[in-house]
Structures are given as C-alpha cells and as structure tokens.
Amino acid sequence: MALRVTQSNMHLQLTRNLNRNMLQMEQLQQQTTTGRKLNKPSDDPVGMTYSLRYRSEIAGNTQYQKNVDAALSWLDFNDTAAEQVGDVLLRVKELVTNAATGTNPQLALDSIKNELEQIKNQLIDIGNSQFNGKYVFNGENFSEAPYDKTVAGFDPKQTETDKGIVNYALGVNMTIDINFSGEQLFGAADPAGTGNNIFSVLDRVMNGLNTGNYAAVSAELPNIEAGMDRIINVRAEIGARVNRVELIQNRLADMEINLTDMQSKTEDADYEKLLIQAQINENIYQASLSVGAKIVSKSLVDFLS
C-alpha cells in the first residue's frame, strides 16, 4: 500500500529540518564564540561531571600553592631572624673574648658592658619580630608580643613563649609546621638565671664586667658557643623544611599542568574542526532553504492542469 504524502506533511517536515539545522548552527556558533564545547550541562552530561571535578581540583590546587608561597615566606623570615641572632651572638663572643683577657681597665669593661646591654635589647627586638602583623616567635599566640617590655617586672630570661604549632595545609592530609618559639631561639626560660638561656648568659657576663671578675666572664664563653650552636640547629631545621616545601611546590605545579590539560581536553573545542562543521552545516541549511523554496512556492493552481 502506497503511503500518501500530502503538501501539509512536506511543509511540516521542511520546518522540522530547518529548525534542526538552525539549532545545530546555533550550537556551533556558540562553541566557536566561547571556544568551549561544554557551555551547558545538556551539551555533555558526563563531560560536565568531569569538568566540574577538574575545576574543583584546580581551585584546591591553587589554594595549596598560595599556602606554599605563604609558608616559604614565613620560613624565610624565620631564617633571616635566626641569622640576625647568629650575627649578634658572634659579636657577643668577640666582646666577651676581649673582656676575658684580663688586661682591660674597668673603663673598657664598662664600655663592653654598655654594648652588651644594647645587644640584649636588640635580641629582645628580634624575639618580637613580626611578619604580616604576626609575632613569629610566640607560637599560636601570634597576636601577642612574646617579650613584652611593658609588663611589670619583665625579665626576658624568665619569659616562656607559647609553644603552639602553626601548621600550613600544603595538600590533602599534608601539613607542615612553619614556626619556632622564642625559647628555641634563645634557650629555655631560666628564672634562676643559671642556665644557658642567652639572656641569662648576658646577665652573668655583665655582672662579671661590673665587678671585674675576668674568670666569671671567661666561663660564659662555652654557653655563648652553645647559643650559637642552637641557632645553627634552628637554621638547619628551617632549611630542611624549606626543601620539603619546595618539593611540594614543584609537585603542585606539575599537578596544575596535568589538571589544566585534562580540563582543556574535556571543555575546550577543536577550533579547526568547528569551522569545518560550521561551514558544512551552513551549506546544508542553504540547500534546505533552496529546496524548501520550491516546495513552499507551489499552490493549488500548480496542480490544476
């Protein structure tokens, strides 16, 4: 049985085909304009799922990279402060070695004592170092100065700085502590004044200089060297942490490249292929219009002969 195709069916089919061609042209034009083959979820639901996952991972990776930069800055600042303490202690050793010779008059000893007093204040200032408005040597209490001279009866050798750990998240389940306490830098709090806390050592040296006790001054040289060794150990620890953070930094940079590449393969359109498809679709559309014009132009008169 032959199927009868009416004029109405032909017009309806022509309209459907033209609409379908126009929709394809619109999609190709949008992809060409945005440079993306995924502009809405309906373009590729599975691809959109991967795209959102890649975007989330890239955003997280970017934040971890910012944390790495901040951690490196903090560690570099700590190293600079520790280096300054080391330089100061080197000067202290020179002064104490000079004062312990036993040939200096009391006037010279008084001059050395005055310089040591200034050095002591300099060490306190270093202990109160701030980075981005935070006191770096007071653990988690970074909003408070560890060596607050305004406190009644302040004595730096008796000060116990906060030992809380400041951790930076540098990856999934990956953290690193980036801070050091004042006691790690200057020695454990020493209320009795008999230990090798650098402030206790300076106080004993200055007392010896006051009385001209050369033996007492000379006896502090091993404690000064112990303080210098303590700074060397701190700087070595800082260096080890910096090396680890830099390795993490390189890993995050590689991850960013890989994630960006996978995101591009999922989202970005092949521009050359788009241009070819757009041209083919346009040709099809024009051909449809040409054929449709011949169909639509016919009327009832054309069939009466």
C-alpha atoms as a PDB file:
ATOM      1  CA  MET A   1       0.000   0.000   0.000  1.00  0.00           C
ATOM      2  CA  ALA A   2       1.474   3.312  -1.129  1.00  0.00           C
ATOM      3  CA  LEU A   3       1.920   5.991   1.502  1.00  0.00           C
ATOM      4  CA  ARG A   4       0.321   9.268   0.593  1.00  0.00           C
ATOM      5  CA  VAL A   5       2.498  12.361   1.256  1.00  0.00           C
ATOM      6  CA  THR A   6       0.396  15.475   1.464  1.00  0.00           C
ATOM      7  CA  GLN A   7       1.547  19.058   0.981  1.00  0.00           C
ATOM      8  CA  SER A   8       0.997  19.648   4.699  1.00  0.00           C
ATOM      9  CA  ASN A   9       3.340  16.796   5.595  1.00  0.00           C
ATOM     10  CA  MET A  10       6.008  18.180   3.321  1.00  0.00           C
ATOM     11  CA  HIS A  11       5.715  21.648   4.872  1.00  0.00           C
ATOM     12  CA  LEU A  12       5.852  20.196   8.379  1.00  0.00           C
ATOM     13  CA  GLN A  13       8.908  18.076   7.608  1.00  0.00           C
ATOM     14  CA  LEU A  14      10.623  21.035   5.958  1.00  0.00           C
ATOM     15  CA  THR A  15      10.039  23.164   9.059  1.00  0.00           C
ATOM     16  CA  ARG A  16      11.417  20.462  11.323  1.00  0.00           C
ATOM     17  CA  ASN A  17      14.531  20.047   9.213  1.00  0.00           C
ATOM     18  CA  LEU A  18      15.153  23.783   9.042  1.00  0.00           C
ATOM     19  CA  ASN A  19      14.711  24.142  12.800  1.00  0.00           C
ATOM     20  CA  ARG A  20      17.096  21.245  13.413  1.00  0.00           C
ATOM     21  CA  ASN A  21      19.683  22.789  11.101  1.00  0.00           C
ATOM     22  CA  MET A  22      19.303  26.187  12.772  1.00  0.00           C
ATOM     23  CA  LEU A  23      19.730  24.600  16.215  1.00  0.00           C
ATOM     24  CA  GLN A  24      22.927  22.883  15.103  1.00  0.00           C
ATOM     25  CA  MET A  25      24.196  26.142  13.626  1.00  0.00           C
ATOM     26  CA  GLU A  26      23.393  27.961  16.867  1.00  0.00           C
ATOM     27  CA  GLN A  27      25.315  25.358  18.897  1.00  0.00           C
ATOM     28  CA  LEU A  28      28.306  25.537  16.568  1.00  0.00           C
ATOM     29  CA  GLN A  29      28.251  29.324  16.637  1.00  0.00           C
ATOM     30  CA  GLN A  30      28.172  29.336  20.450  1.00  0.00           C
ATOM     31  CA  GLN A  31      31.089  26.893  20.645  1.00  0.00           C
ATOM     32  CA  THR A  32      33.049  28.941  18.126  1.00  0.00           C
ATOM     33  CA  THR A  33      32.380  32.146  20.056  1.00  0.00           C
ATOM     34  CA  THR A  34      33.243  30.750  23.504  1.00  0.00           C
ATOM     35  CA  GLY A  35      35.930  28.336  22.356  1.00  0.00           C
ATOM     36  CA  ARG A  36      34.275  25.674  24.540  1.00  0.00           C
ATOM     37  CA  LYS A  37      32.379  22.550  23.574  1.00  0.00           C
ATOM     38  CA  LEU A  38      30.708  22.457  27.001  1.00  0.00           C
ATOM     39  CA  ASN A  39      28.566  25.523  27.556  1.00  0.00           C
ATOM     40  CA  LYS A  40      25.674  23.927  29.403  1.00  0.00           C
ATOM     41  CA  PRO A  41      25.112  20.551  31.072  1.00  0.00           C
ATOM     42  CA  SER A  42      22.947  19.250  28.242  1.00  0.00           C
ATOM     43  CA  ASP A  43      25.899  19.520  25.822  1.00  0.00           C
ATOM     44  CA  ASP A  44      27.567  16.537  27.515  1.00  0.00           C
ATOM     45  CA  PRO A  45      26.290  15.494  30.974  1.00  0.00           C
ATOM     46  CA  VAL A  46      29.188  13.077  31.591  1.00  0.00           C
ATOM     47  CA  GLY A  47      31.758  15.558  30.339  1.00  0.00           C
ATOM     48  CA  MET A  48      30.242  18.265  32.543  1.00  0.00           C
ATOM     49  CA  THR A  49      30.709  15.999  35.584  1.00  0.00           C
ATOM     50  CA  TYR A  50      34.407  15.617  34.808  1.00  0.00           C
ATOM     51  CA  SER A  51      34.682  19.326  34.070  1.00  0.00           C
ATOM     52  CA  LEU A  52      33.290  20.300  37.473  1.00  0.00           C
ATOM     53  CA  ARG A  53      35.594  17.804  39.169  1.00  0.00           C
ATOM     54  CA  TYR A  54      38.654  19.220  37.382  1.00  0.00           C
ATOM     55  CA  ARG A  55      37.638  22.760  38.260  1.00  0.00           C
ATOM     56  CA  SER A  56      37.266  21.824  41.913  1.00  0.00           C
ATOM     57  CA  GLU A  57      40.674  20.128  41.977  1.00  0.00           C
ATOM     58  CA  ILE A  58      42.315  23.078  40.199  1.00  0.00           C
ATOM     59  CA  ALA A  59      40.777  25.520  42.685  1.00  0.00           C
ATOM     60  CA  GLY A  60      42.044  23.431  45.596  1.00  0.00           C
ATOM     61  CA  ASN A  61      45.478  23.130  43.994  1.00  0.00           C
ATOM     62  CA  THR A  62      45.620  26.906  43.523  1.00  0.00           C
ATOM     63  CA  GLN A  63      44.896  27.462  47.218  1.00  0.00           C
ATOM     64  CA  TYR A  64      47.558  24.948  48.212  1.00  0.00           C
ATOM     65  CA  GLN A  65      50.039  26.833  46.026  1.00  0.00           C
ATOM     66  CA  LYS A  66      49.145  30.049  47.837  1.00  0.00           C
ATOM     67  CA  ASN A  67      49.709  28.265  51.151  1.00  0.00           C
ATOM     68  CA  VAL A  68      53.092  27.067  49.901  1.00  0.00           C
ATOM     69  CA  ASP A  69      54.101  30.611  48.998  1.00  0.00           C
ATOM     70  CA  ALA A  70      52.991  31.852  52.421  1.00  0.00           C
ATOM     71  CA  ALA A  71      54.861  29.018  54.180  1.00  0.00           C
ATOM     72  CA  LEU A  72      58.059  29.770  52.270  1.00  0.00           C
ATOM     73  CA  SER A  73      57.784  33.465  53.111  1.00  0.00           C
ATOM     74  CA  TRP A  74      57.295  32.676  56.808  1.00  0.00           C
ATOM     75  CA  LEU A  75      60.233  30.241  56.849  1.00  0.00           C
ATOM     76  CA  ASP A  76      62.470  32.699  55.001  1.00  0.00           C
ATOM     77  CA  PHE A  77      61.570  35.373  57.551  1.00  0.00           C
ATOM     78  CA  ASN A  78      62.390  32.989  60.411  1.00  0.00           C
ATOM     79  CA  ASP A  79      65.727  32.194  58.795  1.00  0.00           C
ATOM     80  CA  THR A  80      66.542  35.891  58.452  1.00  0.00           C
ATOM     81  CA  ALA A  81      65.742  36.481  62.120  1.00  0.00           C
ATOM     82  CA  ALA A  82      67.816  33.458  63.172  1.00  0.00           C
ATOM     83  CA  GLU A  83      70.691  34.705  61.044  1.00  0.00           C
ATOM     84  CA  GLN A  84      70.493  38.069  62.797  1.00  0.00           C
ATOM     85  CA  VAL A  85      70.636  36.341  66.183  1.00  0.00           C
ATOM     86  CA  GLY A  86      73.659  34.362  65.000  1.00  0.00           C
ATOM     87  CA  ASP A  87      75.423  37.565  63.910  1.00  0.00           C
ATOM     88  CA  VAL A  88      74.628  39.180  67.260  1.00  0.00           C
ATOM     89  CA  LEU A  89      75.985  36.200  69.197  1.00  0.00           C
ATOM     90  CA  LEU A  90      79.141  36.286  67.114  1.00  0.00           C
ATOM     91  CA  ARG A  91      79.623  39.880  68.228  1.00  0.00           C
ATOM     92  CA  VAL A  92      78.907  38.858  71.823  1.00  0.00           C
ATOM     93  CA  LYS A  93      81.606  36.185  71.603  1.00  0.00           C
ATOM     94  CA  GLU A  94      84.105  38.750  70.288  1.00  0.00           C
ATOM     95  CA  LEU A  95      83.309  41.165  73.108  1.00  0.00           C
ATOM     96  CA  VAL A  96      83.433  38.509  75.827  1.00  0.00           C
ATOM     97  CA  THR A  97      86.671  37.082  74.466  1.00  0.00           C
ATOM     98  CA  ASN A  98      88.162  40.574  74.507  1.00  0.00           C
ATOM     99  CA  ALA A  99      86.865  41.285  78.026  1.00  0.00           C
ATOM    100  CA  ALA A 100      88.179  37.985  79.409  1.00  0.00           C
ATOM    101  CA  THR A 101      91.836  38.689  78.596  1.00  0.00           C
ATOM    102  CA  GLY A 102      92.401  40.303  81.984  1.00  0.00           C
ATOM    103  CA  THR A 103      94.302  43.261  80.568  1.00  0.00           C
ATOM    104  CA  ASN A 104      91.345  45.649  80.164  1.00  0.00           C
ATOM    105  CA  PRO A 105      90.883  48.506  82.602  1.00  0.00           C
ATOM    106  CA  GLN A 106      87.486  48.890  84.248  1.00  0.00           C
ATOM    107  CA  LEU A 107      86.602  51.713  81.856  1.00  0.00           C
ATOM    108  CA  ALA A 108      86.972  49.323  78.917  1.00  0.00           C
ATOM    109  CA  LEU A 109      84.916  46.704  80.725  1.00  0.00           C
ATOM    110  CA  ASP A 110      82.184  49.280  81.319  1.00  0.00           C
ATOM    111  CA  SER A 111      82.134  50.108  77.607  1.00  0.00           C
ATOM    112  CA  ILE A 112      81.794  46.428  76.722  1.00  0.00           C
ATOM    113  CA  LYS A 113      79.018  46.093  79.294  1.00  0.00           C
ATOM    114  CA  ASN A 114      77.128  49.020  77.744  1.00  0.00           C
ATOM    115  CA  GLU A 115      77.372  47.457  74.303  1.00  0.00           C
ATOM    116  CA  LEU A 116      76.156  44.129  75.676  1.00  0.00           C
ATOM    117  CA  GLU A 117      73.187  45.918  77.212  1.00  0.00           C
ATOM    118  CA  GLN A 118      72.290  47.265  73.765  1.00  0.00           C
ATOM    119  CA  ILE A 119      72.804  43.822  72.276  1.00  0.00           C
ATOM    120  CA  LYS A 120      70.414  42.383  74.837  1.00  0.00           C
ATOM    121  CA  ASN A 121      67.754  44.890  73.739  1.00  0.00           C
ATOM    122  CA  GLN A 122      68.467  44.018  70.124  1.00  0.00           C
ATOM    123  CA  LEU A 123      67.873  40.329  70.829  1.00  0.00           C
ATOM    124  CA  ILE A 124      64.574  41.186  72.531  1.00  0.00           C
ATOM    125  CA  ASP A 125      63.557  43.183  69.432  1.00  0.00           C
ATOM    126  CA  ILE A 126      64.408  40.209  67.223  1.00  0.00           C
ATOM    127  CA  GLY A 127      62.347  37.981  69.523  1.00  0.00           C
ATOM    128  CA  ASN A 128      59.414  40.340  68.921  1.00  0.00           C
ATOM    129  CA  SER A 129      59.788  40.166  65.137  1.00  0.00           C
ATOM    130  CA  GLN A 130      56.536  40.438  63.199  1.00  0.00           C
ATOM    131  CA  PHE A 131      55.623  39.073  59.796  1.00  0.00           C
ATOM    132  CA  ASN A 132      52.380  40.281  58.233  1.00  0.00           C
ATOM    133  CA  GLY A 133      51.347  41.639  61.625  1.00  0.00           C
ATOM    134  CA  LYS A 134      52.014  38.348  63.453  1.00  0.00           C
ATOM    135  CA  TYR A 135      54.661  37.722  66.113  1.00  0.00           C
ATOM    136  CA  VAL A 136      56.525  34.777  64.622  1.00  0.00           C
ATOM    137  CA  PHE A 137      58.209  33.510  67.792  1.00  0.00           C
ATOM    138  CA  ASN A 138      55.148  33.202  70.036  1.00  0.00           C
ATOM    139  CA  GLY A 139      53.534  30.024  68.719  1.00  0.00           C
ATOM    140  CA  GLU A 140      49.777  30.238  68.275  1.00  0.00           C
ATOM    141  CA  ASN A 141      49.622  33.463  70.313  1.00  0.00           C
ATOM    142  CA  PHE A 142      50.977  35.367  67.339  1.00  0.00           C
ATOM    143  CA  SER A 143      48.844  38.402  68.194  1.00  0.00           C
ATOM    144  CA  GLU A 144      50.812  38.972  71.421  1.00  0.00           C
ATOM    145  CA  ALA A 145      54.423  40.063  71.760  1.00  0.00           C
ATOM    146  CA  PRO A 146      56.440  37.222  73.339  1.00  0.00           C
ATOM    147  CA  TYR A 147      58.818  39.645  75.074  1.00  0.00           C
ATOM    148  CA  ASP A 148      56.567  42.446  76.281  1.00  0.00           C
ATOM    149  CA  LYS A 149      58.707  45.137  77.892  1.00  0.00           C
ATOM    150  CA  THR A 150      55.602  46.898  79.242  1.00  0.00           C
ATOM    151  CA  VAL A 151      54.798  44.028  81.629  1.00  0.00           C
ATOM    152  CA  ALA A 152      55.734  44.814  85.222  1.00  0.00           C
ATOM    153  CA  GLY A 153      58.897  43.025  86.295  1.00  0.00           C
ATOM    154  CA  PHE A 154      59.702  41.976  82.722  1.00  0.00           C
ATOM    155  CA  ASP A 155      62.789  39.789  82.512  1.00  0.00           C
ATOM    156  CA  PRO A 156      63.494  38.117  79.154  1.00  0.00           C
ATOM    157  CA  LYS A 157      65.292  35.136  80.675  1.00  0.00           C
ATOM    158  CA  GLN A 158      62.159  34.249  82.642  1.00  0.00           C
ATOM    159  CA  THR A 159      59.808  34.559  79.682  1.00  0.00           C
ATOM    160  CA  GLU A 160      58.084  31.389  78.474  1.00  0.00           C
ATOM    161  CA  THR A 161      56.962  31.841  74.893  1.00  0.00           C
ATOM    162  CA  ASP A 162      53.998  29.912  73.525  1.00  0.00           C
ATOM    163  CA  LYS A 163      54.987  26.537  72.078  1.00  0.00           C
ATOM    164  CA  GLY A 164      51.869  26.076  69.951  1.00  0.00           C
ATOM    165  CA  ILE A 165      52.453  24.834  66.416  1.00  0.00           C
ATOM    166  CA  VAL A 166      51.315  26.832  63.400  1.00  0.00           C
ATOM    167  CA  ASN A 167      50.508  24.372  60.606  1.00  0.00           C
ATOM    168  CA  TYR A 168      50.015  25.179  56.944  1.00  0.00           C
ATOM    169  CA  ALA A 169      47.958  22.826  54.755  1.00  0.00           C
ATOM    170  CA  LEU A 170      50.002  22.127  51.628  1.00  0.00           C
ATOM    171  CA  GLY A 171      47.967  19.266  50.215  1.00  0.00           C
ATOM    172  CA  VAL A 172      45.299  16.710  51.027  1.00  0.00           C
ATOM    173  CA  ASN A 173      46.138  15.396  54.517  1.00  0.00           C
ATOM    174  CA  MET A 174      49.511  17.146  54.239  1.00  0.00           C
ATOM    175  CA  THR A 175      50.573  19.854  56.704  1.00  0.00           C
ATOM    176  CA  ILE A 176      53.861  21.356  57.844  1.00  0.00           C
ATOM    177  CA  ASP A 177      54.653  23.430  60.913  1.00  0.00           C
ATOM    178  CA  ILE A 178      56.405  26.649  59.980  1.00  0.00           C
ATOM    179  CA  ASN A 179      57.016  28.380  63.295  1.00  0.00           C
ATOM    180  CA  PHE A 180      59.659  28.366  66.018  1.00  0.00           C
ATOM    181  CA  SER A 181      59.303  29.561  69.586  1.00  0.00           C
ATOM    182  CA  GLY A 182      61.421  32.190  71.258  1.00  0.00           C
ATOM    183  CA  GLU A 183      62.800  29.528  73.581  1.00  0.00           C
ATOM    184  CA  GLN A 184      64.019  27.504  70.599  1.00  0.00           C
ATOM    185  CA  LEU A 185      65.929  30.591  69.555  1.00  0.00           C
ATOM    186  CA  PHE A 186      67.261  31.872  72.880  1.00  0.00           C
ATOM    187  CA  GLY A 187      67.045  28.858  75.184  1.00  0.00           C
ATOM    188  CA  ALA A 188      64.549  27.582  77.720  1.00  0.00           C
ATOM    189  CA  ALA A 189      63.126  30.017  80.263  1.00  0.00           C
ATOM    190  CA  ASP A 190      65.586  30.329  83.159  1.00  0.00           C
ATOM    191  CA  PRO A 191      64.032  32.062  86.195  1.00  0.00           C
ATOM    192  CA  ALA A 192      67.043  31.126  88.358  1.00  0.00           C
ATOM    193  CA  GLY A 193      69.440  32.669  85.853  1.00  0.00           C
ATOM    194  CA  THR A 194      71.843  29.735  85.997  1.00  0.00           C
ATOM    195  CA  GLY A 195      71.167  28.033  82.649  1.00  0.00           C
ATOM    196  CA  ASN A 196      72.383  28.721  79.117  1.00  0.00           C
ATOM    197  CA  ASN A 197      69.444  30.915  78.122  1.00  0.00           C
ATOM    198  CA  ILE A 198      71.218  33.652  76.183  1.00  0.00           C
ATOM    199  CA  PHE A 199      69.681  36.388  78.337  1.00  0.00           C
ATOM    200  CA  SER A 200      70.894  34.636  81.499  1.00  0.00           C
ATOM    201  CA  VAL A 201      74.362  34.378  79.951  1.00  0.00           C
ATOM    202  CA  LEU A 202      74.393  38.093  79.101  1.00  0.00           C
ATOM    203  CA  ASP A 203      73.263  38.999  82.610  1.00  0.00           C
ATOM    204  CA  ARG A 204      76.059  36.942  84.156  1.00  0.00           C
ATOM    205  CA  VAL A 205      78.622  38.399  81.782  1.00  0.00           C
ATOM    206  CA  MET A 206      77.526  41.936  82.614  1.00  0.00           C
ATOM    207  CA  ASN A 207      77.654  41.190  86.339  1.00  0.00           C
ATOM    208  CA  GLY A 208      81.197  39.875  85.898  1.00  0.00           C
ATOM    209  CA  LEU A 209      82.163  43.006  83.963  1.00  0.00           C
ATOM    210  CA  ASN A 210      80.739  45.194  86.742  1.00  0.00           C
ATOM    211  CA  THR A 211      82.997  43.564  89.337  1.00  0.00           C
ATOM    212  CA  GLY A 212      85.984  42.991  87.066  1.00  0.00           C
ATOM    213  CA  ASN A 213      85.635  39.226  87.523  1.00  0.00           C
ATOM    214  CA  TYR A 214      87.518  38.022  84.456  1.00  0.00           C
ATOM    215  CA  ALA A 215      87.157  34.361  85.345  1.00  0.00           C
ATOM    216  CA  ALA A 216      83.358  34.644  85.543  1.00  0.00           C
ATOM    217  CA  VAL A 217      83.279  36.403  82.165  1.00  0.00           C
ATOM    218  CA  SER A 218      85.535  33.800  80.556  1.00  0.00           C
ATOM    219  CA  ALA A 219      83.431  30.970  81.972  1.00  0.00           C
ATOM    220  CA  GLU A 220      80.462  32.068  79.844  1.00  0.00           C
ATOM    221  CA  LEU A 221      82.217  31.512  76.518  1.00  0.00           C
ATOM    222  CA  PRO A 222      81.066  27.841  76.291  1.00  0.00           C
ATOM    223  CA  ASN A 223      77.472  28.976  76.949  1.00  0.00           C
ATOM    224  CA  ILE A 224      77.736  31.585  74.218  1.00  0.00           C
ATOM    225  CA  GLU A 225      79.006  28.919  71.817  1.00  0.00           C
ATOM    226  CA  ALA A 226      76.122  26.675  72.880  1.00  0.00           C
ATOM    227  CA  GLY A 227      73.761  29.503  71.960  1.00  0.00           C
ATOM    228  CA  MET A 228      75.437  29.807  68.567  1.00  0.00           C
ATOM    229  CA  ASP A 229      75.084  26.043  68.043  1.00  0.00           C
ATOM    230  CA  ARG A 230      71.398  26.339  68.937  1.00  0.00           C
ATOM    231  CA  ILE A 231      70.940  28.937  66.192  1.00  0.00           C
ATOM    232  CA  ILE A 232      72.782  26.731  63.704  1.00  0.00           C
ATOM    233  CA  ASN A 233      70.421  23.860  64.534  1.00  0.00           C
ATOM    234  CA  VAL A 234      67.375  26.114  64.106  1.00  0.00           C
ATOM    235  CA  ARG A 235      68.617  27.322  60.721  1.00  0.00           C
ATOM    236  CA  ALA A 236      69.345  23.734  59.660  1.00  0.00           C
ATOM    237  CA  GLU A 237      65.775  22.772  60.588  1.00  0.00           C
ATOM    238  CA  ILE A 238      64.431  25.756  58.661  1.00  0.00           C
ATOM    239  CA  GLY A 239      66.485  24.701  55.636  1.00  0.00           C
ATOM    240  CA  ALA A 240      65.107  21.156  55.811  1.00  0.00           C
ATOM    241  CA  ARG A 241      61.535  22.446  55.942  1.00  0.00           C
ATOM    242  CA  VAL A 242      62.162  24.844  53.066  1.00  0.00           C
ATOM    243  CA  ASN A 243      63.486  21.969  50.956  1.00  0.00           C
ATOM    244  CA  ARG A 244      60.383  19.924  51.692  1.00  0.00           C
ATOM    245  CA  VAL A 245      58.044  22.823  50.898  1.00  0.00           C
ATOM    246  CA  GLU A 246      59.862  23.478  47.611  1.00  0.00           C
ATOM    247  CA  LEU A 247      59.425  19.825  46.631  1.00  0.00           C
ATOM    248  CA  ILE A 248      55.716  20.153  47.378  1.00  0.00           C
ATOM    249  CA  GLN A 249      55.662  23.389  45.359  1.00  0.00           C
ATOM    250  CA  ASN A 250      57.110  21.590  42.321  1.00  0.00           C
ATOM    251  CA  ARG A 251      54.610  18.760  42.730  1.00  0.00           C
ATOM    252  CA  LEU A 252      51.684  21.191  42.883  1.00  0.00           C
ATOM    253  CA  ALA A 253      52.952  22.970  39.772  1.00  0.00           C
ATOM    254  CA  ASP A 254      53.047  19.644  37.888  1.00  0.00           C
ATOM    255  CA  MET A 255      49.550  18.800  39.123  1.00  0.00           C
ATOM    256  CA  GLU A 256      48.270  22.161  37.894  1.00  0.00           C
ATOM    257  CA  ILE A 257      49.634  21.465  34.409  1.00  0.00           C
ATOM    258  CA  ASN A 258      48.098  17.976  34.326  1.00  0.00           C
ATOM    259  CA  LEU A 259      44.710  19.093  35.653  1.00  0.00           C
ATOM    260  CA  THR A 260      44.575  22.061  33.293  1.00  0.00           C
ATOM    261  CA  ASP A 261      45.407  19.786  30.360  1.00  0.00           C
ATOM    262  CA  MET A 262      42.635  17.320  31.305  1.00  0.00           C
ATOM    263  CA  GLN A 263      40.187  20.182  31.795  1.00  0.00           C
ATOM    264  CA  SER A 264      41.093  21.575  28.375  1.00  0.00           C
ATOM    265  CA  LYS A 265      40.544  18.211  26.697  1.00  0.00           C
ATOM    266  CA  THR A 266      37.134  17.968  28.361  1.00  0.00           C
ATOM    267  CA  GLU A 267      35.893  21.529  27.870  1.00  0.00           C
ATOM    268  CA  ASP A 268      37.750  23.205  25.017  1.00  0.00           C
ATOM    269  CA  ALA A 269      36.551  22.914  21.454  1.00  0.00           C
ATOM    270  CA  ASP A 270      38.648  21.940  18.438  1.00  0.00           C
ATOM    271  CA  TYR A 271      38.541  25.272  16.633  1.00  0.00           C
ATOM    272  CA  GLU A 272      39.555  23.984  13.190  1.00  0.00           C
ATOM    273  CA  LYS A 273      37.002  21.167  13.394  1.00  0.00           C
ATOM    274  CA  LEU A 274      34.333  23.667  14.467  1.00  0.00           C
ATOM    275  CA  LEU A 275      34.962  25.884  11.460  1.00  0.00           C
ATOM    276  CA  ILE A 276      34.659  22.923   9.097  1.00  0.00           C
ATOM    277  CA  GLN A 277      31.449  21.718  10.769  1.00  0.00           C
ATOM    278  CA  ALA A 278      30.020  25.228  10.738  1.00  0.00           C
ATOM    279  CA  GLN A 279      30.682  25.561   7.002  1.00  0.00           C
ATOM    280  CA  ILE A 280      29.157  22.153   6.272  1.00  0.00           C
ATOM    281  CA  ASN A 281      26.106  22.979   8.388  1.00  0.00           C
ATOM    282  CA  GLU A 282      25.667  26.299   6.657  1.00  0.00           C
ATOM    283  CA  ASN A 283      25.805  24.614   3.228  1.00  0.00           C
ATOM    284  CA  ILE A 284      23.186  22.096   4.352  1.00  0.00           C
ATOM    285  CA  TYR A 285      20.989  24.882   5.668  1.00  0.00           C
ATOM    286  CA  GLN A 286      21.249  26.855   2.441  1.00  0.00           C
ATOM    287  CA  ALA A 287      20.456  23.729   0.415  1.00  0.00           C
ATOM    288  CA  SER A 288      17.429  23.085   2.622  1.00  0.00           C
ATOM    289  CA  LEU A 289      16.200  26.620   2.053  1.00  0.00           C
ATOM    290  CA  SER A 290      16.675  26.244  -1.686  1.00  0.00           C
ATOM    291  CA  VAL A 291      14.726  23.004  -1.860  1.00  0.00           C
ATOM    292  CA  GLY A 292      12.132  24.296   0.570  1.00  0.00           C
ATOM    293  CA  ALA A 293      11.545  27.376  -1.538  1.00  0.00           C
ATOM    294  CA  LYS A 294      10.498  25.199  -4.446  1.00  0.00           C
ATOM    295  CA  ILE A 295       8.105  23.217  -2.261  1.00  0.00           C
ATOM    296  CA  VAL A 296       6.568  26.182  -0.453  1.00  0.00           C
ATOM    297  CA  SER A 297       6.127  28.203  -3.637  1.00  0.00           C
ATOM    298  CA  LYS A 298       3.696  25.649  -5.124  1.00  0.00           C
ATOM    299  CA  SER A 299      -0.031  26.396  -4.804  1.00  0.00           C
ATOM    300  CA  LEU A 300      -3.292  24.654  -5.763  1.00  0.00           C
ATOM    301  CA  VAL A 301      -3.151  26.281  -9.221  1.00  0.00           C
ATOM    302  CA  ASP A 302       0.105  24.401  -9.930  1.00  0.00           C
ATOM    303  CA  PHE A 303      -1.813  21.114  -9.640  1.00  0.00           C
ATOM    304  CA  LEU A 304      -4.758  22.157 -11.907  1.00  0.00           C
ATOM    305  CA  SER A 305      -3.848  21.481 -15.477  1.00  0.00           C
END
